[in-house]
């Protein structure tokens, strides 16, 4: 194939890609009209029967277009999930009188290009005309900014599929007078980057946030001649590598950070497992009101009384009332030696009568109970 023919084919593909993007944009505009009607009539966001009918049609049409039915179905599931996500956010903003606000200020730990920064932009960019992200050195500083009213909300990482729970965030949720009002899940692609294109074998020092280092431990152990050092944040590490201009030094951060700071990516996908995701929570000074039609989860903290079988009794209370627990985490209870706090995520909305009654029963069985809030479940895989 000649170079001219190859260029022609590439141009055709580019044009088709633009057509797909425009079609998705038109679909989004129609969804905006649909959600306006739902706000007036209080209709359900999801129509499972219609969704399955749509997917069945897609599977039937796939062979006619020369496409794999499974691939096309998964693609449209993502499109539907994105639509549900968008409608959920609009409904939540409407119910909490934020639908017509144009600006939101968000605190996070890190600097421009940090994963928290990316997660914040992804969660809020389509909901507000202006999104102001303000970075802080430590998680506690970001949370304090919300408490003092310097920002509207804060976004904090709470767990990662490779490194596990982020204990600093759990501790802050207990200590601060803040509520969880949302969640975001970000696919984490850790990249090794340097000021110029150099051989990895020439790198002698790698810097990054402790969580990123933990998530990339296998790759780092394959570089015995490298000194690995912790830094405040992945993006701050990238900025330092740019400023130092030392070709023996590299950072582990996101491709977004590499783009912002003009660094060359030496290797991508460094995490111990490819399915590397971080879950973030949005925290606010006030709890969120969620319509019953929204798929919610509720987060809470409790401590058991000091008696045999106390934890089991509390957990059985949830099961006996048909409540599914999706997360259980324990942390030491500060100021109470040998006692633990238990952090739970359960399916459902605390305003639902069944959930509310169960939480009241749990409070009676507990030594301490703090409800962190009910908020929409993050829809979609990505």
Protein backbone atom coordinates (compact mmCIF):
# COMPACT_ATOMS: atom_id res chain seq x y z
CA UNK A 1 0.00 0.00 0.00
CA UNK A 2 1.38 3.40 -0.99
CA UNK A 3 1.87 6.17 1.57
CA UNK A 4 -0.73 8.27 -0.25
CA UNK A 5 -3.35 5.49 0.00
CA UNK A 6 -2.57 4.99 3.70
CA UNK A 7 -2.97 8.71 4.37
CA UNK A 8 -6.31 8.68 2.52
CA UNK A 9 -7.58 5.77 4.67
CA UNK A 10 -6.44 7.51 7.85
CA UNK A 11 -8.30 10.66 6.83
CA UNK A 12 -11.47 8.63 6.25
CA UNK A 13 -11.13 7.07 9.72
CA UNK A 14 -10.66 10.53 11.24
CA UNK A 15 -13.82 11.75 9.51
CA UNK A 16 -15.79 8.75 10.77
CA UNK A 17 -14.51 9.32 14.30
CA UNK A 18 -15.70 12.93 14.12
CA UNK A 19 -19.12 11.72 12.94
CA UNK A 20 -19.35 9.35 15.94
CA UNK A 21 -18.43 12.15 18.35
CA UNK A 22 -21.00 14.51 16.81
CA UNK A 23 -23.69 11.80 16.99
CA UNK A 24 -22.94 11.23 20.69
CA UNK A 25 -23.12 14.98 21.22
CA UNK A 26 -26.54 15.12 19.55
CA UNK A 27 -27.67 12.21 21.70
CA UNK A 28 -26.59 14.15 24.79
CA UNK A 29 -28.62 17.20 23.73
CA UNK A 30 -31.72 15.01 23.39
CA UNK A 31 -31.09 13.57 26.87
CA UNK A 32 -31.02 17.13 28.24
CA UNK A 33 -34.57 17.59 26.93
CA UNK A 34 -35.60 14.22 28.39
CA UNK A 35 -34.30 15.07 31.88
CA UNK A 36 -36.14 18.42 31.80
CA UNK A 37 -39.38 16.52 31.34
CA UNK A 38 -38.50 14.07 34.10
CA UNK A 39 -37.87 16.91 36.54
CA UNK A 40 -41.37 18.20 35.87
CA UNK A 41 -43.08 14.79 36.06
CA UNK A 42 -40.77 13.09 38.61
CA UNK A 43 -40.33 10.10 36.29
CA UNK A 44 -37.90 7.28 37.00
CA UNK A 45 -34.41 7.90 35.63
CA UNK A 46 -33.97 4.32 34.46
CA UNK A 47 -36.29 2.19 32.39
CA UNK A 48 -34.69 -1.30 32.54
CA UNK A 49 -37.20 -2.81 30.11
CA UNK A 50 -36.48 -0.19 27.47
CA UNK A 51 -32.72 -0.54 28.03
CA UNK A 52 -32.86 -4.29 27.42
CA UNK A 53 -34.98 -3.78 24.29
CA UNK A 54 -32.41 -1.31 23.00
CA UNK A 55 -29.51 -3.69 23.70
CA UNK A 56 -31.35 -6.56 22.00
CA UNK A 57 -31.73 -4.43 18.85
CA UNK A 58 -28.05 -3.51 19.01
CA UNK A 59 -27.02 -7.17 19.20
CA UNK A 60 -29.21 -7.97 16.19
CA UNK A 61 -27.78 -5.11 14.13
CA UNK A 62 -24.13 -5.91 14.92
CA UNK A 63 -23.63 -8.72 12.34
CA UNK A 64 -25.22 -6.57 9.61
CA UNK A 65 -22.53 -3.95 10.27
CA UNK A 66 -19.76 -6.57 10.47
CA UNK A 67 -19.29 -6.02 14.20
CA UNK A 68 -19.01 -8.29 17.21
CA UNK A 69 -22.38 -8.23 19.09
CA UNK A 70 -20.62 -8.46 22.47
CA UNK A 71 -18.39 -5.46 21.67
CA UNK A 72 -21.32 -3.36 20.47
CA UNK A 73 -23.46 -4.29 23.48
CA UNK A 74 -20.68 -3.31 25.92
CA UNK A 75 -20.16 -0.04 24.06
CA UNK A 76 -23.86 0.86 24.32
CA UNK A 77 -23.98 -0.21 27.97
CA UNK A 78 -21.31 2.41 28.62
CA UNK A 79 -23.30 4.99 26.65
CA UNK A 80 -26.42 4.18 28.69
CA UNK A 81 -24.46 4.32 31.96
CA UNK A 82 -23.08 7.72 31.01
CA UNK A 83 -26.62 8.92 30.28
CA UNK A 84 -27.84 7.67 33.67
CA UNK A 85 -24.87 9.32 35.38
CA UNK A 86 -25.64 12.65 33.70
CA UNK A 87 -29.35 12.50 34.56
CA UNK A 88 -28.59 11.53 38.17
CA UNK A 89 -26.33 14.55 38.63
CA UNK A 90 -28.93 16.90 37.15
CA UNK A 91 -31.65 15.52 39.41
CA UNK A 92 -29.44 15.72 42.52
CA UNK A 93 -28.47 19.31 41.73
CA UNK A 94 -32.12 20.18 41.18
CA UNK A 95 -33.21 18.69 44.51
CA UNK A 96 -30.39 20.41 46.38
CA UNK A 97 -31.03 23.80 44.73
CA UNK A 98 -27.71 23.81 42.85
CA UNK A 99 -29.02 23.30 39.34
CA UNK A 100 -28.41 26.90 38.23
CA UNK A 101 -25.11 27.52 40.01
CA UNK A 102 -22.36 28.26 37.51
CA UNK A 103 -19.19 27.96 39.60
CA UNK A 104 -17.91 25.40 42.08
CA UNK A 105 -14.69 25.54 44.12
CA UNK A 106 -13.07 22.21 44.99
CA UNK A 107 -10.15 21.47 47.30
CA UNK A 108 -7.91 18.45 46.78
CA UNK A 109 -4.54 17.13 47.85
CA UNK A 110 -1.88 17.80 45.22
CA UNK A 111 -1.39 20.16 42.33
CA UNK A 112 -2.43 20.49 38.69
CA UNK A 113 -2.28 17.08 37.04
CA UNK A 114 -2.80 15.04 40.22
CA UNK A 115 -5.22 12.13 40.03
CA UNK A 116 -7.49 13.92 42.52
CA UNK A 117 -7.50 16.92 40.18
CA UNK A 118 -8.51 14.68 37.28
CA UNK A 119 -11.25 13.04 39.32
CA UNK A 120 -12.63 16.44 40.38
CA UNK A 121 -12.77 17.69 36.80
CA UNK A 122 -14.44 14.50 35.63
CA UNK A 123 -17.07 14.65 38.36
CA UNK A 124 -18.00 18.32 38.04
CA UNK A 125 -16.93 19.69 34.63
CA UNK A 126 -20.18 18.86 32.83
CA UNK A 127 -22.29 20.22 35.71
CA UNK A 128 -20.80 23.71 36.10
CA UNK A 129 -19.67 26.42 33.71
CA UNK A 130 -16.58 27.06 35.83
CA UNK A 131 -14.73 24.53 37.99
CA UNK A 132 -12.02 25.95 40.26
CA UNK A 133 -9.69 23.30 41.71
CA UNK A 134 -7.44 24.39 44.58
CA UNK A 135 -4.58 22.09 45.59
CA UNK A 136 -3.25 21.60 49.13
CA UNK A 137 -0.20 19.76 50.40
CA UNK A 138 -2.07 17.43 52.78
CA UNK A 139 -5.47 15.73 52.88
CA UNK A 140 -6.31 17.45 56.17
CA UNK A 141 -5.68 20.90 54.68
CA UNK A 142 -8.06 20.10 51.82
CA UNK A 143 -10.75 18.97 54.31
CA UNK A 144 -10.19 22.02 56.53
CA UNK A 145 -10.81 24.29 53.55
CA UNK A 146 -14.34 22.89 53.27
CA UNK A 147 -15.04 23.23 56.99
CA UNK A 148 -13.93 26.87 56.92
CA UNK A 149 -16.08 27.60 53.86
CA UNK A 150 -13.10 28.54 51.66
CA UNK A 151 -14.30 26.03 49.06
CA UNK A 152 -17.63 24.37 48.30
CA UNK A 153 -16.50 20.74 48.46
CA UNK A 154 -13.39 18.60 48.71
CA UNK A 155 -12.47 15.44 46.83
CA UNK A 156 -10.51 12.80 48.74
CA UNK A 157 -9.25 9.36 47.64
CA UNK A 158 -10.59 6.63 49.91
CA UNK A 159 -9.56 3.28 48.40
CA UNK A 160 -7.54 1.74 45.59
CA UNK A 161 -7.92 -1.68 44.02
CA UNK A 162 -4.17 -2.33 44.27
CA UNK A 163 -2.98 -0.61 47.47
CA UNK A 164 -6.22 -0.90 49.46
CA UNK A 165 -7.76 1.67 51.80
CA UNK A 166 -6.41 5.19 52.25
CA UNK A 167 -6.45 5.49 56.02
CA UNK A 168 -5.94 9.27 56.19
CA UNK A 169 -9.30 9.81 54.52
CA UNK A 170 -11.13 7.39 56.82
CA UNK A 171 -9.69 9.16 59.86
CA UNK A 172 -10.70 12.59 58.51
CA UNK A 173 -14.27 11.44 57.88
CA UNK A 174 -14.57 10.57 61.55
CA UNK A 175 -12.80 13.66 62.90
CA UNK A 176 -14.36 16.37 60.71
CA UNK A 177 -17.92 17.61 60.63
CA UNK A 178 -18.28 16.73 56.96
CA UNK A 179 -20.63 14.57 54.89
CA UNK A 180 -20.09 12.40 51.81
CA UNK A 181 -22.21 13.75 48.95
CA UNK A 182 -20.81 11.80 45.99
CA UNK A 183 -18.19 9.41 44.70
CA UNK A 184 -15.99 9.16 41.63
CA UNK A 185 -13.97 6.22 40.30
CA UNK A 186 -10.88 6.86 38.19
CA UNK A 187 -8.85 4.36 36.19
CA UNK A 188 -5.27 4.95 37.34
CA UNK A 189 -2.55 4.67 34.71
CA UNK A 190 0.80 5.27 36.39
CA UNK A 191 3.56 6.40 34.01
CA UNK A 192 7.31 6.79 34.44
CA UNK A 193 8.39 10.18 33.09
CA UNK A 194 11.58 12.20 32.67
CA UNK A 195 12.61 15.57 31.17
CA UNK A 196 13.79 13.87 27.98
CA UNK A 197 13.63 10.50 26.25
CA UNK A 198 16.24 8.47 28.16
CA UNK A 199 16.87 4.78 28.79
CA UNK A 200 15.20 3.52 31.96
CA UNK A 201 18.50 1.84 32.85
CA UNK A 202 20.01 5.33 33.23
CA UNK A 203 17.47 6.40 35.86
CA UNK A 204 18.93 6.42 39.38
CA UNK A 205 16.14 8.14 41.37
CA UNK A 206 12.36 7.83 41.15
CA UNK A 207 9.99 10.01 43.18
CA UNK A 208 6.22 9.78 43.68
CA UNK A 209 3.41 9.73 46.21
CA UNK A 210 3.54 6.75 48.66
CA UNK A 211 0.29 5.33 47.28
CA UNK A 212 1.63 5.34 43.71
CA UNK A 213 4.85 3.70 44.89
CA UNK A 214 2.85 0.97 46.64
CA UNK A 215 0.74 0.39 43.54
CA UNK A 216 3.84 0.06 41.33
CA UNK A 217 5.96 -2.02 43.73
CA UNK A 218 6.63 -4.87 41.28
CA UNK A 219 7.96 -2.55 38.61
CA UNK A 220 10.13 -0.67 41.11
CA UNK A 221 11.68 -3.85 42.52
CA UNK A 222 12.81 -4.68 38.96
CA UNK A 223 15.05 -1.57 39.10
CA UNK A 224 17.57 -2.43 41.85
CA UNK A 225 19.89 0.45 40.91
CA UNK A 226 17.13 3.05 41.46
CA UNK A 227 16.53 4.89 44.70
CA UNK A 228 12.79 5.28 45.30
CA UNK A 229 11.69 8.28 47.38
CA UNK A 230 8.25 9.42 48.52
CA UNK A 231 6.95 12.85 47.61
CA UNK A 232 3.89 14.93 48.49
CA UNK A 233 1.95 14.08 45.35
CA UNK A 234 2.38 12.43 41.93
CA UNK A 235 1.90 15.70 40.04
CA UNK A 236 4.23 17.58 42.43
CA UNK A 237 6.82 14.88 41.72
CA UNK A 238 6.37 15.45 37.98
CA UNK A 239 6.79 19.20 38.43
CA UNK A 240 9.98 18.68 40.45
CA UNK A 241 11.44 16.43 37.74
CA UNK A 242 10.71 19.15 35.18
CA UNK A 243 12.25 21.89 37.34
CA UNK A 244 15.35 19.89 38.30
CA UNK A 245 16.02 18.85 34.66
CA UNK A 246 18.12 15.94 35.96
CA UNK A 247 18.17 13.14 33.37
CA UNK A 248 18.94 10.55 36.07
CA UNK A 249 15.72 11.43 37.89
CA UNK A 250 12.17 10.38 37.00
CA UNK A 251 8.68 10.58 38.47
CA UNK A 252 5.68 8.28 38.55
CA UNK A 253 2.53 10.24 37.74
CA UNK A 254 -0.34 10.41 35.26
CA UNK A 255 -0.07 10.99 31.52
CA UNK A 256 -2.06 14.16 32.19
CA UNK A 257 0.75 15.39 34.47
CA UNK A 258 3.32 14.54 31.80
CA UNK A 259 1.38 16.64 29.31
CA UNK A 260 1.04 19.59 31.70
CA UNK A 261 4.73 19.66 32.66
CA UNK A 262 6.17 18.74 29.27
CA UNK A 263 7.75 15.44 30.33
CA UNK A 264 8.48 12.38 28.22
CA UNK A 265 6.74 9.13 29.19
CA UNK A 266 9.29 6.34 29.39
CA UNK A 267 6.84 3.56 30.32
CA UNK A 268 3.09 3.34 30.97
CA UNK A 269 0.82 1.02 32.94
CA UNK A 270 3.23 0.46 35.81
CA UNK A 271 0.70 -0.72 38.42
CA UNK A 272 0.89 -4.23 39.82
CA UNK A 273 -2.48 -4.98 38.24
CA UNK A 274 -3.97 -3.49 35.08
CA UNK A 275 -7.40 -3.16 36.73
CA UNK A 276 -6.10 -0.30 38.89
CA UNK A 277 -8.88 2.03 40.05
CA UNK A 278 -9.13 4.63 42.80
CA UNK A 279 -12.42 5.56 44.42
CA UNK A 280 -12.78 9.18 45.56
CA UNK A 281 -15.45 10.70 47.80
CA UNK A 282 -16.88 14.20 47.57
CA UNK A 283 -17.30 15.81 51.01
CA UNK A 284 -19.39 18.84 51.94
CA UNK A 285 -20.47 20.75 55.05
CA UNK A 286 -24.09 19.68 54.53
CA UNK A 287 -25.56 16.25 53.76
CA UNK A 288 -27.14 15.57 50.37
CA UNK A 289 -30.83 15.06 49.68
CA UNK A 290 -31.36 12.14 47.31
CA UNK A 291 -34.61 11.31 45.54
CA UNK A 292 -35.87 7.74 46.21
CA UNK A 293 -35.58 6.92 42.49
CA UNK A 294 -31.79 7.44 42.57
CA UNK A 295 -29.61 4.39 43.16
CA UNK A 296 -27.83 5.33 46.41
CA UNK A 297 -25.42 4.01 48.96
CA UNK A 298 -25.08 5.15 52.58
CA UNK A 299 -21.79 5.39 54.46
CA UNK A 300 -21.51 5.27 58.24
CA UNK A 301 -19.11 4.74 61.13
CA UNK A 302 -19.86 2.87 64.34
CA UNK A 303 -18.16 1.40 67.38
CA UNK A 304 -19.49 -1.65 69.18
CA UNK A 305 -20.14 -2.06 72.86
CA UNK A 306 -17.54 -4.09 74.76
CA UNK A 307 -19.22 -7.49 74.86
CA UNK A 308 -18.87 -10.85 73.15
CA UNK A 309 -20.40 -11.05 69.67
CA UNK A 310 -21.20 -7.32 69.52
CA UNK A 311 -19.92 -6.80 65.97
CA UNK A 312 -21.69 -9.89 64.67
CA UNK A 313 -24.94 -8.75 66.25
CA UNK A 314 -24.67 -5.36 64.53
CA UNK A 315 -23.92 -6.88 61.12
CA UNK A 316 -26.69 -9.44 61.50
CA UNK A 317 -29.06 -6.55 62.12
CA UNK A 318 -28.35 -5.32 58.60
CA UNK A 319 -28.76 -8.76 57.05
CA UNK A 320 -31.97 -9.49 58.94
CA UNK A 321 -33.47 -6.31 57.47
CA UNK A 322 -32.44 -7.18 53.93
CA UNK A 323 -29.70 -4.54 53.69
CA UNK A 324 -26.62 -5.38 51.61
CA UNK A 325 -23.25 -4.26 52.94
CA UNK A 326 -20.74 -3.40 50.18
CA UNK A 327 -17.78 -2.26 52.30
CA UNK A 328 -16.46 -2.98 55.80
CA UNK A 329 -13.28 -1.36 57.08
CA UNK A 330 -11.86 -1.13 60.60
CA UNK A 331 -9.58 1.53 62.05
CA UNK A 332 -8.22 2.11 65.57
CA UNK A 333 -10.42 4.42 67.64
CA UNK A 334 -8.26 7.34 68.74
CA UNK A 335 -8.33 7.93 72.50
CA UNK A 336 -9.84 4.47 73.13
CA UNK A 337 -7.03 1.87 73.32
CA UNK A 338 -7.84 -1.55 71.83
CA UNK A 339 -11.15 -0.33 70.41
CA UNK A 340 -11.96 -0.11 66.71
CA UNK A 341 -14.17 2.02 64.53
CA UNK A 342 -15.98 0.21 61.73
CA UNK A 343 -16.63 2.01 58.45
CA UNK A 344 -19.54 0.62 56.41
CA UNK A 345 -21.05 1.23 53.00
CA UNK A 346 -24.55 -0.16 52.55
CA UNK A 347 -26.91 -0.16 49.60
CA UNK A 348 -29.84 2.22 49.94
CA UNK A 349 -30.89 5.69 51.01
CA UNK A 350 -31.08 6.67 54.68
CA UNK A 351 -34.36 8.46 53.91
CA UNK A 352 -35.90 5.13 52.97
CA UNK A 353 -38.03 3.92 55.89
CA UNK A 354 -36.43 0.46 56.01
CA UNK A 355 -32.91 1.89 56.05
CA UNK A 356 -33.86 4.59 58.56
CA UNK A 357 -35.46 2.12 60.97
CA UNK A 358 -32.48 -0.22 60.75
CA UNK A 359 -30.00 2.57 61.45
CA UNK A 360 -32.00 3.55 64.54
CA UNK A 361 -31.77 -0.05 65.77
CA UNK A 362 -28.04 -0.08 65.00
CA UNK A 363 -27.57 3.11 67.01
CA UNK A 364 -29.13 1.44 70.06
CA UNK A 365 -26.77 -1.53 69.73
CA UNK A 366 -23.68 0.64 69.16
CA UNK A 367 -21.46 2.61 71.48
CA UNK A 368 -20.98 5.25 68.78
CA UNK A 369 -22.64 5.91 65.40
CA UNK A 370 -21.99 8.58 62.78
CA UNK A 371 -23.87 8.63 59.47
CA UNK A 372 -21.62 10.09 56.79
CA UNK A 373 -24.42 10.52 54.25
CA UNK A 374 -26.40 8.97 51.42
CA UNK A 375 -25.28 9.73 47.88
CA UNK A 376 -25.67 8.43 44.30
CA UNK A 377 -23.76 5.29 43.36
CA UNK A 378 -21.13 5.93 40.74
CA UNK A 379 -22.64 4.56 37.52
CA UNK A 380 -20.45 2.88 34.90
CA UNK A 381 -17.15 1.05 34.91
CA UNK A 382 -14.92 3.99 34.04
